[in-house]
Amino acid sequence: MRIALNIVGSILVLSGAVWFQQGINLLPGSFMTGQIRWAVYGGIAVVSGIALLLGANRPRKDHR
């Protein structure tokens, strides 16, 4: 499960960063370029991905 959460979290961070950059017109070349809505979606995706990565990799308590 930890591996799957790491993969999904990483994909969210990477795609969110691309969406954010396209939304603020830093990375041209698609319908998202210059659309502030995509910058917001990208920011949300990056924050969600970071939360997933942190949650998946936090230390676990031993249940003995």
N, C-alpha and C. Protein backbone atom coordinates (compact mmCIF):
# COMPACT_ATOMS: atom_id res chain seq x y z
N MET A 1 0.82 -1.19 0.00
CA MET A 1 0.00 0.00 0.00
C MET A 1 0.87 1.26 0.00
N ARG A 2 1.98 1.19 0.74
CA ARG A 2 2.87 2.36 0.83
C ARG A 2 3.44 2.71 -0.54
N ILE A 3 3.78 1.70 -1.32
CA ILE A 3 4.34 1.94 -2.66
C ILE A 3 3.31 2.62 -3.55
N ALA A 4 2.07 2.14 -3.51
CA ALA A 4 1.02 2.72 -4.32
C ALA A 4 0.77 4.18 -3.95
N LEU A 5 0.75 4.49 -2.65
CA LEU A 5 0.55 5.87 -2.21
C LEU A 5 1.71 6.76 -2.64
N ASN A 6 2.92 6.23 -2.60
CA ASN A 6 4.08 6.99 -3.06
C ASN A 6 4.00 7.29 -4.56
N ILE A 7 3.56 6.31 -5.33
CA ILE A 7 3.44 6.51 -6.78
C ILE A 7 2.37 7.55 -7.08
N VAL A 8 1.20 7.41 -6.47
CA VAL A 8 0.11 8.36 -6.71
C VAL A 8 0.50 9.76 -6.24
N GLY A 9 1.13 9.86 -5.08
CA GLY A 9 1.57 11.15 -4.57
C GLY A 9 2.58 11.81 -5.48
N SER A 10 3.51 11.04 -6.00
CA SER A 10 4.52 11.58 -6.91
C SER A 10 3.90 12.07 -8.22
N ILE A 11 2.96 11.29 -8.74
CA ILE A 11 2.28 11.70 -9.98
C ILE A 11 1.49 12.98 -9.75
N LEU A 12 0.83 13.09 -8.61
CA LEU A 12 0.08 14.31 -8.30
C LEU A 12 1.00 15.53 -8.20
N VAL A 13 2.13 15.37 -7.55
CA VAL A 13 3.07 16.48 -7.42
C VAL A 13 3.60 16.90 -8.79
N LEU A 14 4.02 15.95 -9.60
CA LEU A 14 4.58 16.28 -10.92
C LEU A 14 3.54 16.89 -11.86
N SER A 15 2.38 16.27 -11.96
CA SER A 15 1.36 16.81 -12.86
C SER A 15 0.83 18.14 -12.33
N GLY A 16 0.70 18.27 -11.03
CA GLY A 16 0.26 19.54 -10.45
C GLY A 16 1.24 20.66 -10.72
N ALA A 17 2.53 20.35 -10.69
CA ALA A 17 3.54 21.36 -10.99
C ALA A 17 3.44 21.82 -12.45
N VAL A 18 3.20 20.88 -13.36
CA VAL A 18 3.03 21.23 -14.77
C VAL A 18 1.78 22.08 -14.94
N TRP A 19 0.67 21.67 -14.34
CA TRP A 19 -0.57 22.44 -14.45
C TRP A 19 -0.39 23.85 -13.91
N PHE A 20 0.29 23.97 -12.77
CA PHE A 20 0.52 25.28 -12.17
C PHE A 20 1.34 26.17 -13.11
N GLN A 21 2.41 25.61 -13.65
CA GLN A 21 3.26 26.40 -14.54
C GLN A 21 2.53 26.79 -15.82
N GLN A 22 1.69 25.92 -16.34
CA GLN A 22 0.91 26.28 -17.51
C GLN A 22 -0.13 27.34 -17.16
N GLY A 23 -0.71 27.22 -15.98
CA GLY A 23 -1.73 28.18 -15.56
C GLY A 23 -1.19 29.58 -15.39
N ILE A 24 0.06 29.70 -14.95
CA ILE A 24 0.64 31.03 -14.78
C ILE A 24 1.44 31.46 -16.00
N ASN A 25 1.28 30.74 -17.10
CA ASN A 25 1.86 31.08 -18.40
C ASN A 25 3.38 30.96 -18.42
N LEU A 26 3.93 30.09 -17.62
CA LEU A 26 5.36 29.84 -17.61
C LEU A 26 5.73 28.73 -18.58
N LEU A 27 4.82 27.80 -18.79
CA LEU A 27 5.05 26.65 -19.66
C LEU A 27 3.97 26.66 -20.74
N PRO A 28 4.27 27.25 -21.89
CA PRO A 28 3.25 27.39 -22.93
C PRO A 28 3.03 26.11 -23.72
N GLY A 29 1.96 26.10 -24.50
CA GLY A 29 1.77 25.02 -25.45
C GLY A 29 0.53 24.17 -25.28
N SER A 30 -0.43 24.59 -24.47
CA SER A 30 -1.66 23.81 -24.36
C SER A 30 -2.84 24.73 -24.08
N PHE A 31 -4.01 24.15 -24.02
CA PHE A 31 -5.21 24.94 -23.73
C PHE A 31 -5.21 25.48 -22.31
N MET A 32 -4.35 24.95 -21.45
CA MET A 32 -4.28 25.40 -20.05
C MET A 32 -3.42 26.66 -19.89
N THR A 33 -2.64 27.00 -20.90
CA THR A 33 -1.71 28.11 -20.80
C THR A 33 -2.44 29.42 -20.56
N GLY A 34 -2.03 30.10 -19.50
CA GLY A 34 -2.60 31.40 -19.18
C GLY A 34 -3.94 31.35 -18.47
N GLN A 35 -4.42 30.17 -18.13
CA GLN A 35 -5.71 30.02 -17.45
C GLN A 35 -5.46 29.87 -15.95
N ILE A 36 -5.81 30.87 -15.17
CA ILE A 36 -5.52 30.86 -13.74
C ILE A 36 -6.21 29.69 -13.03
N ARG A 37 -7.29 29.21 -13.60
CA ARG A 37 -7.99 28.07 -13.02
C ARG A 37 -7.06 26.85 -12.92
N TRP A 38 -6.23 26.65 -13.94
CA TRP A 38 -5.31 25.51 -13.94
C TRP A 38 -4.18 25.71 -12.96
N ALA A 39 -3.82 26.95 -12.68
CA ALA A 39 -2.82 27.22 -11.64
C ALA A 39 -3.37 26.82 -10.28
N VAL A 40 -4.64 27.10 -10.04
CA VAL A 40 -5.28 26.72 -8.78
C VAL A 40 -5.38 25.20 -8.68
N TYR A 41 -5.84 24.55 -9.75
CA TYR A 41 -5.93 23.09 -9.75
C TYR A 41 -4.55 22.46 -9.52
N GLY A 42 -3.55 23.03 -10.15
CA GLY A 42 -2.19 22.52 -9.98
C GLY A 42 -1.69 22.66 -8.56
N GLY A 43 -1.98 23.81 -7.94
CA GLY A 43 -1.59 24.01 -6.55
C GLY A 43 -2.26 23.01 -5.63
N ILE A 44 -3.54 22.77 -5.87
CA ILE A 44 -4.27 21.80 -5.05
C ILE A 44 -3.69 20.40 -5.25
N ALA A 45 -3.35 20.05 -6.49
CA ALA A 45 -2.78 18.73 -6.77
C ALA A 45 -1.41 18.56 -6.09
N VAL A 46 -0.59 19.62 -6.12
CA VAL A 46 0.73 19.54 -5.49
C VAL A 46 0.58 19.35 -3.98
N VAL A 47 -0.29 20.13 -3.36
CA VAL A 47 -0.49 20.01 -1.91
C VAL A 47 -1.05 18.64 -1.55
N SER A 48 -1.99 18.14 -2.34
CA SER A 48 -2.55 16.80 -2.09
C SER A 48 -1.48 15.72 -2.25
N GLY A 49 -0.65 15.84 -3.26
CA GLY A 49 0.41 14.87 -3.47
C GLY A 49 1.43 14.86 -2.34
N ILE A 50 1.78 16.05 -1.86
CA ILE A 50 2.71 16.14 -0.73
C ILE A 50 2.10 15.52 0.52
N ALA A 51 0.81 15.77 0.74
CA ALA A 51 0.14 15.18 1.90
C ALA A 51 0.14 13.65 1.80
N LEU A 52 -0.11 13.12 0.62
CA LEU A 52 -0.07 11.66 0.43
C LEU A 52 1.32 11.11 0.69
N LEU A 53 2.34 11.79 0.18
CA LEU A 53 3.70 11.32 0.39
C LEU A 53 4.09 11.36 1.87
N LEU A 54 3.71 12.42 2.55
CA LEU A 54 4.01 12.51 3.98
C LEU A 54 3.26 11.45 4.77
N GLY A 55 1.99 11.24 4.44
CA GLY A 55 1.20 10.23 5.13
C GLY A 55 1.69 8.82 4.89
N ALA A 56 2.13 8.55 3.68
CA ALA A 56 2.61 7.20 3.35
C ALA A 56 3.95 6.90 3.99
N ASN A 57 4.74 7.92 4.26
CA ASN A 57 6.10 7.69 4.75
C ASN A 57 6.31 8.08 6.20
N ARG A 58 5.23 8.34 6.93
CA ARG A 58 5.41 8.66 8.35
C ARG A 58 5.76 7.40 9.12
N PRO A 59 6.48 7.56 10.19
CA PRO A 59 6.87 6.37 10.99
C PRO A 59 5.64 5.68 11.59
N ARG A 60 5.66 4.38 11.55
CA ARG A 60 4.56 3.58 12.10
C ARG A 60 4.91 3.14 13.52
N LYS A 61 3.90 3.08 14.38
CA LYS A 61 4.09 2.56 15.72
C LYS A 61 3.96 1.04 15.68
N ASP A 62 4.78 0.37 16.48
CA ASP A 62 4.68 -1.09 16.58
C ASP A 62 3.49 -1.46 17.44
N HIS A 63 2.68 -2.36 16.94
CA HIS A 63 1.52 -2.86 17.71
C HIS A 63 1.83 -4.27 18.16
N ARG A 64 2.37 -4.39 19.36
CA ARG A 64 2.73 -5.72 19.88
C ARG A 64 1.77 -6.16 20.93
